[in-house]
Amino acid sequence: MAAREQAGKRCIYPGCERPAVPPHPLGGPQPSFCDLEEHNALTAHHERQRLERESSRSIDEPDSGG
C-alpha cells in the first residue's frame, strides 16, 4: 500500500500539480518536488511567504468595488 501512495506523490511547491520525482533506484526517500529546477525548498518557501503576504493584504484592504 505504501508503494501505491508513493506512486501518487505530488510536488509540494505551492500550486504545482506535477508528480514528484521518483525515488533514486539505489534507495533513499522519494523527493518532494517535481523535475522543474525552480521547484525546490527555497523557492517553495519564498512562494508560500509571498502568498501569505498577498492574502493578508487582501484581508487588510477593504473591497472598494460595489
PDB file of N, CA and C in Angstrom:
ATOM      1  N   MET A   1       0.825  -1.194   0.000  1.00  0.00           N
ATOM      2  CA  MET A   1       0.000   0.000   0.000  1.00  0.00           C
ATOM      3  C   MET A   1       0.872   1.262   0.000  1.00  0.00           C
ATOM      4  N   ALA A   2       1.996   1.241   0.708  1.00  0.00           N
ATOM      5  CA  ALA A   2       2.876   2.404   0.732  1.00  0.00           C
ATOM      6  C   ALA A   2       3.437   2.690  -0.652  1.00  0.00           C
ATOM      7  N   ALA A   3       3.691   1.656  -1.436  1.00  0.00           N
ATOM      8  CA  ALA A   3       4.203   1.861  -2.796  1.00  0.00           C
ATOM      9  C   ALA A   3       3.177   2.590  -3.645  1.00  0.00           C
ATOM     10  N   ARG A   4       1.910   2.275  -3.454  1.00  0.00           N
ATOM     11  CA  ARG A   4       0.854   2.961  -4.203  1.00  0.00           C
ATOM     12  C   ARG A   4       0.756   4.420  -3.798  1.00  0.00           C
ATOM     13  N   GLU A   5       0.921   4.704  -2.500  1.00  0.00           N
ATOM     14  CA  GLU A   5       0.875   6.088  -2.026  1.00  0.00           C
ATOM     15  C   GLU A   5       2.045   6.875  -2.592  1.00  0.00           C
ATOM     16  N   GLN A   6       3.244   6.279  -2.657  1.00  0.00           N
ATOM     17  CA  GLN A   6       4.408   6.972  -3.193  1.00  0.00           C
ATOM     18  C   GLN A   6       4.248   7.214  -4.675  1.00  0.00           C
ATOM     19  N   ALA A   7       3.623   6.291  -5.399  1.00  0.00           N
ATOM     20  CA  ALA A   7       3.447   6.453  -6.839  1.00  0.00           C
ATOM     21  C   ALA A   7       2.594   7.686  -7.142  1.00  0.00           C
ATOM     22  N   GLY A   8       1.703   8.053  -6.223  1.00  0.00           N
ATOM     23  CA  GLY A   8       0.836   9.196  -6.450  1.00  0.00           C
ATOM     24  C   GLY A   8       1.323  10.471  -5.793  1.00  0.00           C
ATOM     25  N   LYS A   9       2.555  10.496  -5.288  1.00  0.00           N
ATOM     26  CA  LYS A   9       3.063  11.672  -4.579  1.00  0.00           C
ATOM     27  C   LYS A   9       3.180  12.858  -5.528  1.00  0.00           C
ATOM     28  N   ARG A  10       2.714  14.014  -5.078  1.00  0.00           N
ATOM     29  CA  ARG A  10       2.734  15.240  -5.882  1.00  0.00           C
ATOM     30  C   ARG A  10       3.803  16.192  -5.361  1.00  0.00           C
ATOM     31  N   CYS A  11       4.221  17.072  -6.230  1.00  0.00           N
ATOM     32  CA  CYS A  11       5.177  18.116  -5.883  1.00  0.00           C
ATOM     33  C   CYS A  11       4.561  18.996  -4.789  1.00  0.00           C
ATOM     34  N   ILE A  12       5.381  19.378  -3.808  1.00  0.00           N
ATOM     35  CA  ILE A  12       4.839  20.183  -2.706  1.00  0.00           C
ATOM     36  C   ILE A  12       5.016  21.683  -2.929  1.00  0.00           C
ATOM     37  N   TYR A  13       5.467  22.084  -4.123  1.00  0.00           N
ATOM     38  CA  TYR A  13       5.567  23.509  -4.438  1.00  0.00           C
ATOM     39  C   TYR A  13       4.147  24.073  -4.501  1.00  0.00           C
ATOM     40  N   PRO A  14       3.878  25.215  -3.890  1.00  0.00           N
ATOM     41  CA  PRO A  14       2.523  25.773  -3.872  1.00  0.00           C
ATOM     42  C   PRO A  14       1.935  25.933  -5.283  1.00  0.00           C
ATOM     43  N   GLY A  15       0.794  25.313  -5.503  1.00  0.00           N
ATOM     44  CA  GLY A  15       0.093  25.421  -6.777  1.00  0.00           C
ATOM     45  C   GLY A  15       0.525  24.425  -7.834  1.00  0.00           C
ATOM     46  N   CYS A  16       1.548  23.634  -7.570  1.00  0.00           N
ATOM     47  CA  CYS A  16       2.040  22.681  -8.570  1.00  0.00           C
ATOM     48  C   CYS A  16       1.280  21.364  -8.446  1.00  0.00           C
ATOM     49  N   GLU A  17       0.843  20.843  -9.566  1.00  0.00           N
ATOM     50  CA  GLU A  17       0.103  19.583  -9.584  1.00  0.00           C
ATOM     51  C   GLU A  17       0.903  18.460 -10.240  1.00  0.00           C
ATOM     52  N   ARG A  18       2.169  18.730 -10.559  1.00  0.00           N
ATOM     53  CA  ARG A  18       3.003  17.733 -11.223  1.00  0.00           C
ATOM     54  C   ARG A  18       3.398  16.629 -10.249  1.00  0.00           C
ATOM     55  N   PRO A  19       3.674  15.433 -10.763  1.00  0.00           N
ATOM     56  CA  PRO A  19       4.135  14.360  -9.864  1.00  0.00           C
ATOM     57  C   PRO A  19       5.553  14.638  -9.368  1.00  0.00           C
ATOM     58  N   ALA A  20       5.829  14.194  -8.158  1.00  0.00           N
ATOM     59  CA  ALA A  20       7.174  14.331  -7.607  1.00  0.00           C
ATOM     60  C   ALA A  20       8.115  13.394  -8.358  1.00  0.00           C
ATOM     61  N   VAL A  21       9.388  13.742  -8.352  1.00  0.00           N
ATOM     62  CA  VAL A  21      10.403  12.915  -8.993  1.00  0.00           C
ATOM     63  C   VAL A  21      10.407  11.551  -8.309  1.00  0.00           C
ATOM     64  N   PRO A  22      10.543  10.467  -9.064  1.00  0.00           N
ATOM     65  CA  PRO A  22      10.573   9.143  -8.438  1.00  0.00           C
ATOM     66  C   PRO A  22      11.816   8.957  -7.566  1.00  0.00           C
ATOM     67  N   PRO A  23      11.762   8.027  -6.630  1.00  0.00           N
ATOM     68  CA  PRO A  23      12.929   7.801  -5.769  1.00  0.00           C
ATOM     69  C   PRO A  23      14.115   7.285  -6.581  1.00  0.00           C
ATOM     70  N   HIS A  24      15.297   7.492  -6.052  1.00  0.00           N
ATOM     71  CA  HIS A  24      16.519   7.015  -6.701  1.00  0.00           C
ATOM     72  C   HIS A  24      16.499   5.487  -6.724  1.00  0.00           C
ATOM     73  N   PRO A  25      16.934   4.866  -7.820  1.00  0.00           N
ATOM     74  CA  PRO A  25      16.877   3.396  -7.909  1.00  0.00           C
ATOM     75  C   PRO A  25      17.728   2.682  -6.858  1.00  0.00           C
ATOM     76  N   LEU A  26      18.736   3.334  -6.313  1.00  0.00           N
ATOM     77  CA  LEU A  26      19.579   2.688  -5.305  1.00  0.00           C
ATOM     78  C   LEU A  26      19.043   2.874  -3.889  1.00  0.00           C
ATOM     79  N   GLY A  27      17.924   3.558  -3.747  1.00  0.00           N
ATOM     80  CA  GLY A  27      17.304   3.706  -2.438  1.00  0.00           C
ATOM     81  C   GLY A  27      17.239   5.149  -1.991  1.00  0.00           C
ATOM     82  N   GLY A  28      16.694   5.324  -0.823  1.00  0.00           N
ATOM     83  CA  GLY A  28      16.534   6.663  -0.263  1.00  0.00           C
ATOM     84  C   GLY A  28      15.103   7.122  -0.387  1.00  0.00           C
ATOM     85  N   PRO A  29      14.788   8.208   0.274  1.00  0.00           N
ATOM     86  CA  PRO A  29      13.411   8.713   0.243  1.00  0.00           C
ATOM     87  C   PRO A  29      13.071   9.337  -1.103  1.00  0.00           C
ATOM     88  N   GLN A  30      11.790   9.336  -1.412  1.00  0.00           N
ATOM     89  CA  GLN A  30      11.335   9.969  -2.643  1.00  0.00           C
ATOM     90  C   GLN A  30      11.408  11.482  -2.484  1.00  0.00           C
ATOM     91  N   PRO A  31      11.943  12.188  -3.486  1.00  0.00           N
ATOM     92  CA  PRO A  31      11.960  13.656  -3.413  1.00  0.00           C
ATOM     93  C   PRO A  31      10.542  14.219  -3.287  1.00  0.00           C
ATOM     94  N   SER A  32      10.449  15.412  -2.757  1.00  0.00           N
ATOM     95  CA  SER A  32       9.145  16.046  -2.551  1.00  0.00           C
ATOM     96  C   SER A  32       8.753  16.996  -3.670  1.00  0.00           C
ATOM     97  N   PHE A  33       9.670  17.242  -4.592  1.00  0.00           N
ATOM     98  CA  PHE A  33       9.405  18.200  -5.660  1.00  0.00           C
ATOM     99  C   PHE A  33       9.442  17.523  -7.024  1.00  0.00           C
ATOM    100  N   CYS A  34       8.850  18.179  -8.006  1.00  0.00           N
ATOM    101  CA  CYS A  34       8.835  17.657  -9.371  1.00  0.00           C
ATOM    102  C   CYS A  34      10.185  17.919 -10.040  1.00  0.00           C
ATOM    103  N   ASP A  35      10.261  17.672 -11.323  1.00  0.00           N
ATOM    104  CA  ASP A  35      11.532  17.811 -12.032  1.00  0.00           C
ATOM    105  C   ASP A  35      11.835  19.233 -12.497  1.00  0.00           C
ATOM    106  N   LEU A  36      10.970  20.195 -12.210  1.00  0.00           N
ATOM    107  CA  LEU A  36      11.259  21.582 -12.567  1.00  0.00           C
ATOM    108  C   LEU A  36      12.352  22.119 -11.650  1.00  0.00           C
ATOM    109  N   GLU A  37      13.397  22.657 -12.241  1.00  0.00           N
ATOM    110  CA  GLU A  37      14.549  23.114 -11.463  1.00  0.00           C
ATOM    111  C   GLU A  37      14.181  24.199 -10.451  1.00  0.00           C
ATOM    112  N   GLU A  38      13.218  25.059 -10.815  1.00  0.00           N
ATOM    113  CA  GLU A  38      12.846  26.148  -9.906  1.00  0.00           C
ATOM    114  C   GLU A  38      11.937  25.700  -8.760  1.00  0.00           C
ATOM    115  N   HIS A  39      11.493  24.457  -8.773  1.00  0.00           N
ATOM    116  CA  HIS A  39      10.683  23.935  -7.666  1.00  0.00           C
ATOM    117  C   HIS A  39      11.616  23.228  -6.689  1.00  0.00           C
ATOM    118  N   ASN A  40      12.005  23.956  -5.652  1.00  0.00           N
ATOM    119  CA  ASN A  40      12.874  23.402  -4.617  1.00  0.00           C
ATOM    120  C   ASN A  40      12.451  24.001  -3.278  1.00  0.00           C
ATOM    121  N   ALA A  41      13.114  23.582  -2.218  1.00  0.00           N
ATOM    122  CA  ALA A  41      12.708  24.009  -0.875  1.00  0.00           C
ATOM    123  C   ALA A  41      12.777  25.525  -0.701  1.00  0.00           C
ATOM    124  N   LEU A  42      13.819  26.149  -1.209  1.00  0.00           N
ATOM    125  CA  LEU A  42      13.971  27.588  -1.033  1.00  0.00           C
ATOM    126  C   LEU A  42      12.902  28.371  -1.787  1.00  0.00           C
ATOM    127  N   THR A  43      12.689  28.049  -3.059  1.00  0.00           N
ATOM    128  CA  THR A  43      11.689  28.797  -3.834  1.00  0.00           C
ATOM    129  C   THR A  43      10.276  28.500  -3.343  1.00  0.00           C
ATOM    130  N   ALA A  44      10.035  27.288  -2.837  1.00  0.00           N
ATOM    131  CA  ALA A  44       8.722  26.971  -2.268  1.00  0.00           C
ATOM    132  C   ALA A  44       8.468  27.815  -1.019  1.00  0.00           C
ATOM    133  N   HIS A  45       9.502  27.973  -0.202  1.00  0.00           N
ATOM    134  CA  HIS A  45       9.387  28.806   1.000  1.00  0.00           C
ATOM    135  C   HIS A  45       9.070  30.252   0.621  1.00  0.00           C
ATOM    136  N   HIS A  46       9.797  30.785  -0.370  1.00  0.00           N
ATOM    137  CA  HIS A  46       9.546  32.155  -0.818  1.00  0.00           C
ATOM    138  C   HIS A  46       8.142  32.312  -1.390  1.00  0.00           C
ATOM    139  N   GLU A  47       7.685  31.336  -2.146  1.00  0.00           N
ATOM    140  CA  GLU A  47       6.343  31.404  -2.731  1.00  0.00           C
ATOM    141  C   GLU A  47       5.272  31.367  -1.640  1.00  0.00           C
ATOM    142  N   ARG A  48       5.452  30.520  -0.622  1.00  0.00           N
ATOM    143  CA  ARG A  48       4.483  30.483   0.485  1.00  0.00           C
ATOM    144  C   ARG A  48       4.447  31.814   1.222  1.00  0.00           C
ATOM    145  N   GLN A  49       5.611  32.428   1.426  1.00  0.00           N
ATOM    146  CA  GLN A  49       5.645  33.745   2.072  1.00  0.00           C
ATOM    147  C   GLN A  49       4.940  34.791   1.217  1.00  0.00           C
ATOM    148  N   ARG A  50       5.181  34.758  -0.094  1.00  0.00           N
ATOM    149  CA  ARG A  50       4.540  35.723  -0.994  1.00  0.00           C
ATOM    150  C   ARG A  50       3.022  35.556  -0.968  1.00  0.00           C
ATOM    151  N   LEU A  51       2.555  34.309  -1.012  1.00  0.00           N
ATOM    152  CA  LEU A  51       1.115  34.054  -0.980  1.00  0.00           C
ATOM    153  C   LEU A  51       0.504  34.510   0.339  1.00  0.00           C
ATOM    154  N   GLU A  52       1.238  34.312   1.439  1.00  0.00           N
ATOM    155  CA  GLU A  52       0.742  34.755   2.740  1.00  0.00           C
ATOM    156  C   GLU A  52       0.636  36.276   2.794  1.00  0.00           C
ATOM    157  N   ARG A  53       1.639  36.969   2.265  1.00  0.00           N
ATOM    158  CA  ARG A  53       1.595  38.440   2.232  1.00  0.00           C
ATOM    159  C   ARG A  53       0.420  38.926   1.392  1.00  0.00           C
ATOM    160  N   GLU A  54       0.204  38.299   0.237  1.00  0.00           N
ATOM    161  CA  GLU A  54      -0.913  38.702  -0.624  1.00  0.00           C
ATOM    162  C   GLU A  54      -2.247  38.481   0.059  1.00  0.00           C
ATOM    163  N   SER A  55      -2.393  37.350   0.742  1.00  0.00           N
ATOM    164  CA  SER A  55      -3.672  37.072   1.398  1.00  0.00           C
ATOM    165  C   SER A  55      -3.901  38.031   2.574  1.00  0.00           C
ATOM    166  N   SER A  56      -2.840  38.367   3.294  1.00  0.00           N
ATOM    167  CA  SER A  56      -3.021  39.306   4.406  1.00  0.00           C
ATOM    168  C   SER A  56      -3.312  40.708   3.887  1.00  0.00           C
ATOM    169  N   ARG A  57      -2.752  41.064   2.750  1.00  0.00           N
ATOM    170  CA  ARG A  57      -3.061  42.367   2.141  1.00  0.00           C
ATOM    171  C   ARG A  57      -4.524  42.428   1.699  1.00  0.00           C
ATOM    172  N   SER A  58      -5.007  41.351   1.131  1.00  0.00           N
ATOM    173  CA  SER A  58      -6.391  41.364   0.644  1.00  0.00           C
ATOM    174  C   SER A  58      -7.378  41.393   1.815  1.00  0.00           C
ATOM    175  N   ILE A  59      -6.984  40.844   2.956  1.00  0.00           N
ATOM    176  CA  ILE A  59      -7.848  40.899   4.142  1.00  0.00           C
ATOM    177  C   ILE A  59      -7.822  42.292   4.741  1.00  0.00           C
ATOM    178  N   ASP A  60      -6.631  42.917   4.768  1.00  0.00           N
ATOM    179  CA  ASP A  60      -6.482  44.247   5.356  1.00  0.00           C
ATOM    180  C   ASP A  60      -7.149  45.336   4.530  1.00  0.00           C
ATOM    181  N   GLU A  61      -7.150  45.184   3.199  1.00  0.00           N
ATOM    182  CA  GLU A  61      -7.719  46.206   2.326  1.00  0.00           C
ATOM    183  C   GLU A  61      -9.206  45.939   2.080  1.00  0.00           C
ATOM    184  N   PRO A  62     -10.066  46.840   2.451  1.00  0.00           N
ATOM    185  CA  PRO A  62     -11.499  46.634   2.197  1.00  0.00           C
ATOM    186  C   PRO A  62     -11.771  46.691   0.689  1.00  0.00           C
ATOM    187  N   ASP A  63     -12.777  45.977   0.289  1.00  0.00           N
ATOM    188  CA  ASP A  63     -13.168  45.958  -1.118  1.00  0.00           C
ATOM    189  C   ASP A  63     -13.816  47.284  -1.492  1.00  0.00           C
ATOM    190  N   SER A  64     -13.180  48.028  -2.400  1.00  0.00           N
ATOM    191  CA  SER A  64     -13.698  49.352  -2.754  1.00  0.00           C
ATOM    192  C   SER A  64     -14.698  49.300  -3.910  1.00  0.00           C
ATOM    193  N   GLY A  65     -14.901  48.129  -4.480  1.00  0.00           N
ATOM    194  CA  GLY A  65     -15.866  47.994  -5.576  1.00  0.00           C
ATOM    195  C   GLY A  65     -17.277  47.945  -5.050  1.00  0.00           C
ATOM    196  N   GLY A  66     -18.217  48.210  -5.969  1.00  0.00           N
ATOM    197  CA  GLY A  66     -19.528  47.978  -5.447  1.00  0.00           C
ATOM    198  C   GLY A  66     -20.551  48.890  -5.780  1.00  0.00           C
TER     199      GLY A  66
END
